N, C-alpha and C. Protein backbone atom coordinates (compact mmCIF):
# COMPACT_ATOMS: atom_id res chain seq x y z
N MET A 1 -19.76 89.45 -32.25
CA MET A 1 -19.91 88.01 -32.19
C MET A 1 -19.29 87.43 -33.45
N SER A 2 -18.49 86.41 -33.25
CA SER A 2 -17.81 85.80 -34.39
C SER A 2 -18.78 84.93 -35.19
N LEU A 3 -18.35 84.58 -36.38
CA LEU A 3 -19.15 83.69 -37.23
C LEU A 3 -19.34 82.33 -36.56
N ASP A 4 -18.29 81.84 -35.90
CA ASP A 4 -18.41 80.56 -35.19
C ASP A 4 -19.44 80.65 -34.07
N GLU A 5 -19.42 81.74 -33.32
CA GLU A 5 -20.39 81.92 -32.23
C GLU A 5 -21.81 81.99 -32.77
N ARG A 6 -22.00 82.68 -33.86
CA ARG A 6 -23.33 82.76 -34.48
C ARG A 6 -23.80 81.39 -34.95
N ARG A 7 -22.88 80.62 -35.55
CA ARG A 7 -23.22 79.28 -36.02
C ARG A 7 -23.65 78.39 -34.86
N ILE A 8 -22.94 78.47 -33.74
CA ILE A 8 -23.27 77.66 -32.56
C ILE A 8 -24.66 78.01 -32.05
N ILE A 9 -24.96 79.30 -31.97
CA ILE A 9 -26.28 79.73 -31.49
C ILE A 9 -27.37 79.25 -32.43
N LEU A 10 -27.19 79.48 -33.72
CA LEU A 10 -28.21 79.08 -34.69
C LEU A 10 -28.41 77.57 -34.72
N SER A 11 -27.33 76.82 -34.62
CA SER A 11 -27.46 75.36 -34.69
C SER A 11 -28.17 74.79 -33.47
N ALA A 12 -28.24 75.55 -32.39
CA ALA A 12 -28.94 75.10 -31.18
C ALA A 12 -30.46 75.30 -31.28
N ILE A 13 -30.90 76.04 -32.28
CA ILE A 13 -32.33 76.30 -32.45
C ILE A 13 -32.96 75.12 -33.18
N ARG A 14 -33.93 74.49 -32.57
CA ARG A 14 -34.48 73.26 -33.15
C ARG A 14 -35.20 73.49 -34.47
N TYR A 15 -35.60 74.71 -34.77
CA TYR A 15 -36.32 74.99 -36.01
C TYR A 15 -35.38 75.24 -37.18
N VAL A 16 -34.09 75.35 -36.91
CA VAL A 16 -33.11 75.60 -37.96
C VAL A 16 -32.61 74.26 -38.49
N ASP A 17 -32.87 74.03 -39.78
CA ASP A 17 -32.46 72.77 -40.41
C ASP A 17 -31.05 72.83 -40.97
N GLU A 18 -30.68 73.97 -41.50
CA GLU A 18 -29.41 74.06 -42.22
C GLU A 18 -28.85 75.47 -42.08
N ILE A 19 -27.54 75.55 -41.95
CA ILE A 19 -26.83 76.83 -41.91
C ILE A 19 -25.73 76.74 -42.97
N PHE A 20 -25.65 77.73 -43.82
CA PHE A 20 -24.54 77.75 -44.77
C PHE A 20 -23.88 79.11 -44.71
N GLU A 21 -22.60 79.10 -44.98
CA GLU A 21 -21.81 80.33 -44.95
C GLU A 21 -21.38 80.67 -46.37
N TYR A 22 -21.19 81.95 -46.61
CA TYR A 22 -20.75 82.39 -47.93
C TYR A 22 -19.80 83.56 -47.76
N ASP A 23 -18.98 83.78 -48.77
CA ASP A 23 -17.98 84.85 -48.71
C ASP A 23 -18.37 86.07 -49.53
N THR A 24 -19.15 85.87 -50.59
CA THR A 24 -19.52 87.00 -51.45
C THR A 24 -21.02 86.96 -51.73
N GLU A 25 -21.55 88.09 -52.13
CA GLU A 25 -22.97 88.16 -52.49
C GLU A 25 -23.24 87.30 -53.73
N ALA A 26 -22.26 87.22 -54.63
CA ALA A 26 -22.42 86.37 -55.81
C ALA A 26 -22.53 84.90 -55.41
N GLU A 27 -21.73 84.49 -54.45
CA GLU A 27 -21.81 83.11 -53.95
C GLU A 27 -23.17 82.85 -53.29
N LEU A 28 -23.65 83.82 -52.50
CA LEU A 28 -24.97 83.70 -51.87
C LEU A 28 -26.05 83.56 -52.94
N TYR A 29 -26.02 84.44 -53.94
CA TYR A 29 -27.03 84.40 -54.99
C TYR A 29 -27.04 83.05 -55.70
N ASP A 30 -25.86 82.57 -56.04
CA ASP A 30 -25.75 81.29 -56.73
C ASP A 30 -26.32 80.15 -55.88
N THR A 31 -26.02 80.17 -54.60
CA THR A 31 -26.54 79.14 -53.68
C THR A 31 -28.05 79.21 -53.58
N LEU A 32 -28.58 80.43 -53.46
CA LEU A 32 -30.03 80.59 -53.37
C LEU A 32 -30.71 80.15 -54.66
N LYS A 33 -30.10 80.50 -55.80
CA LYS A 33 -30.70 80.17 -57.09
C LYS A 33 -30.72 78.65 -57.33
N LYS A 34 -29.63 77.98 -57.02
CA LYS A 34 -29.56 76.52 -57.21
C LYS A 34 -30.46 75.80 -56.20
N ASN A 35 -30.60 76.38 -55.03
CA ASN A 35 -31.43 75.84 -53.95
C ASN A 35 -31.17 74.35 -53.70
N GLU A 36 -29.90 73.99 -53.67
CA GLU A 36 -29.52 72.61 -53.40
C GLU A 36 -29.86 72.19 -51.96
N TYR A 37 -30.01 73.19 -51.08
CA TYR A 37 -30.35 72.90 -49.69
C TYR A 37 -31.86 72.69 -49.51
N GLY A 38 -32.64 73.05 -50.52
CA GLY A 38 -34.09 72.90 -50.41
C GLY A 38 -34.73 73.93 -49.50
N PHE A 39 -34.24 75.17 -49.58
CA PHE A 39 -34.79 76.23 -48.75
C PHE A 39 -36.29 76.37 -48.97
N ASP A 40 -37.03 76.56 -47.90
CA ASP A 40 -38.44 76.90 -48.06
C ASP A 40 -38.72 78.28 -47.48
N ILE A 41 -37.77 78.82 -46.72
CA ILE A 41 -37.92 80.18 -46.20
C ILE A 41 -36.53 80.75 -45.93
N ARG A 42 -36.41 82.04 -46.08
CA ARG A 42 -35.16 82.74 -45.81
C ARG A 42 -35.46 83.82 -44.79
N ILE A 43 -34.59 84.00 -43.83
CA ILE A 43 -34.78 85.01 -42.79
C ILE A 43 -33.69 86.04 -42.93
N ILE A 44 -34.10 87.31 -43.09
CA ILE A 44 -33.14 88.41 -43.16
C ILE A 44 -33.65 89.54 -42.27
N GLY A 45 -32.81 90.50 -42.01
CA GLY A 45 -33.16 91.61 -41.13
C GLY A 45 -34.25 92.50 -41.70
N ALA A 46 -35.09 93.00 -40.80
CA ALA A 46 -36.22 93.86 -41.20
C ALA A 46 -35.75 95.14 -41.87
N ASP A 47 -34.50 95.53 -41.65
CA ASP A 47 -33.98 96.73 -42.30
C ASP A 47 -33.88 96.57 -43.81
N TRP A 48 -34.01 95.36 -44.33
CA TRP A 48 -33.99 95.12 -45.77
C TRP A 48 -35.36 95.20 -46.41
N LYS A 49 -36.40 95.29 -45.60
CA LYS A 49 -37.76 95.31 -46.14
C LYS A 49 -37.94 96.54 -47.04
N GLY A 50 -38.43 96.30 -48.26
CA GLY A 50 -38.64 97.39 -49.22
C GLY A 50 -37.40 97.80 -49.98
N LYS A 51 -36.28 97.14 -49.72
CA LYS A 51 -35.02 97.43 -50.41
C LYS A 51 -34.60 96.20 -51.21
N PRO A 52 -33.83 96.41 -52.27
CA PRO A 52 -33.34 95.24 -53.00
C PRO A 52 -32.25 94.53 -52.18
N TYR A 53 -32.39 93.25 -52.02
CA TYR A 53 -31.40 92.44 -51.30
C TYR A 53 -31.02 91.27 -52.20
N THR A 54 -29.92 90.66 -51.91
CA THR A 54 -29.45 89.55 -52.73
C THR A 54 -30.50 88.45 -52.77
N GLY A 55 -30.95 88.13 -53.98
CA GLY A 55 -31.93 87.08 -54.17
C GLY A 55 -33.37 87.54 -54.09
N HIS A 56 -33.59 88.87 -54.09
CA HIS A 56 -34.98 89.37 -54.00
C HIS A 56 -35.83 88.94 -55.20
N ASP A 57 -35.16 88.61 -56.30
CA ASP A 57 -35.88 88.21 -57.51
C ASP A 57 -36.14 86.71 -57.59
N LEU A 58 -35.72 85.97 -56.60
CA LEU A 58 -35.89 84.51 -56.61
C LEU A 58 -37.17 84.11 -55.87
N PRO A 59 -37.76 82.98 -56.25
CA PRO A 59 -39.03 82.55 -55.64
C PRO A 59 -38.83 81.83 -54.30
N ILE A 60 -38.22 82.54 -53.34
CA ILE A 60 -38.02 82.00 -52.00
C ILE A 60 -38.78 82.89 -51.02
N GLU A 61 -39.61 82.28 -50.18
CA GLU A 61 -40.35 83.06 -49.18
C GLU A 61 -39.35 83.71 -48.23
N VAL A 62 -39.59 84.98 -47.91
CA VAL A 62 -38.68 85.73 -47.05
C VAL A 62 -39.42 86.18 -45.81
N TYR A 63 -38.79 85.99 -44.66
CA TYR A 63 -39.29 86.50 -43.39
C TYR A 63 -38.34 87.59 -42.96
N PHE A 64 -38.88 88.78 -42.71
CA PHE A 64 -38.07 89.90 -42.28
C PHE A 64 -38.08 89.93 -40.75
N ASN A 65 -36.95 89.64 -40.16
CA ASN A 65 -36.83 89.52 -38.72
C ASN A 65 -36.52 90.87 -38.08
N SER A 66 -37.31 91.24 -37.08
CA SER A 66 -37.07 92.47 -36.33
C SER A 66 -36.38 92.12 -35.02
N ARG A 67 -35.45 92.97 -34.63
CA ARG A 67 -34.80 92.78 -33.34
C ARG A 67 -35.63 93.52 -32.29
N ASN A 68 -35.79 92.90 -31.16
CA ASN A 68 -36.55 93.52 -30.07
C ASN A 68 -35.62 94.12 -29.03
N HIS A 69 -34.43 94.43 -29.44
CA HIS A 69 -33.45 95.03 -28.52
C HIS A 69 -32.58 95.99 -29.32
N ASP A 70 -31.81 96.78 -28.61
CA ASP A 70 -30.94 97.75 -29.27
C ASP A 70 -29.49 97.29 -29.33
N PHE A 71 -29.21 96.06 -28.94
CA PHE A 71 -27.84 95.57 -28.94
C PHE A 71 -27.35 95.37 -30.37
N SER A 72 -26.18 95.86 -30.62
CA SER A 72 -25.57 95.73 -31.95
C SER A 72 -24.10 95.40 -31.77
N THR A 73 -23.66 94.27 -32.32
CA THR A 73 -22.25 93.91 -32.20
C THR A 73 -21.37 94.92 -32.94
N THR A 74 -21.87 95.47 -34.03
CA THR A 74 -21.11 96.49 -34.76
C THR A 74 -20.92 97.73 -33.90
N ALA A 75 -21.99 98.18 -33.25
CA ALA A 75 -21.90 99.36 -32.38
C ALA A 75 -20.97 99.08 -31.20
N LEU A 76 -21.04 97.87 -30.65
CA LEU A 76 -20.16 97.50 -29.54
C LEU A 76 -18.70 97.53 -29.97
N ARG A 77 -18.42 96.98 -31.13
CA ARG A 77 -17.04 97.01 -31.63
C ARG A 77 -16.56 98.44 -31.82
N GLU A 78 -17.41 99.31 -32.33
CA GLU A 78 -17.04 100.71 -32.54
C GLU A 78 -16.76 101.40 -31.21
N ARG A 79 -17.59 101.13 -30.20
CA ARG A 79 -17.38 101.73 -28.88
C ARG A 79 -16.06 101.26 -28.27
N ILE A 80 -15.76 99.98 -28.40
CA ILE A 80 -14.51 99.44 -27.87
C ILE A 80 -13.32 100.05 -28.60
N TYR A 81 -13.43 100.13 -29.92
CA TYR A 81 -12.35 100.72 -30.72
C TYR A 81 -12.10 102.17 -30.31
N GLU A 82 -13.16 102.95 -30.19
CA GLU A 82 -13.03 104.36 -29.82
C GLU A 82 -12.47 104.51 -28.41
N ALA A 83 -12.89 103.66 -27.49
CA ALA A 83 -12.37 103.73 -26.12
C ALA A 83 -10.89 103.39 -26.08
N GLU A 84 -10.48 102.38 -26.83
CA GLU A 84 -9.07 102.00 -26.89
C GLU A 84 -8.24 103.10 -27.55
N LYS A 85 -8.77 103.69 -28.59
CA LYS A 85 -8.07 104.78 -29.28
C LYS A 85 -7.88 105.96 -28.34
N ALA A 86 -8.93 106.30 -27.59
CA ALA A 86 -8.86 107.42 -26.64
C ALA A 86 -7.88 107.10 -25.52
N ARG A 87 -7.86 105.87 -25.06
CA ARG A 87 -6.96 105.46 -23.98
C ARG A 87 -5.51 105.55 -24.43
N LYS A 88 -5.23 105.18 -25.67
CA LYS A 88 -3.86 105.19 -26.18
C LYS A 88 -3.35 106.60 -26.43
N THR A 89 -4.24 107.53 -26.72
CA THR A 89 -3.82 108.91 -27.00
C THR A 89 -3.81 109.76 -25.74
N ALA A 90 -4.31 109.23 -24.63
CA ALA A 90 -4.37 110.01 -23.37
C ALA A 90 -3.06 109.93 -22.63
């Protein structure tokens, strides 16, 4: 799923007030630290629970989101890549 597709989905959720994009972890940290958006909660993947993540030292409430499905866009991309590679070498 592209970044644009993710933005469209997130912006359709009535509970989402703001979406911001960043290119580097340093940019993310700076944005979180300045908190110009007025964040009151941050949502990240449950796989980060118990691990250091960007901004873990900042006073922002974090919700660790669990996926209730096994779908992974990364895994899908890998499967497509491998299938195409196998098709081209056959």
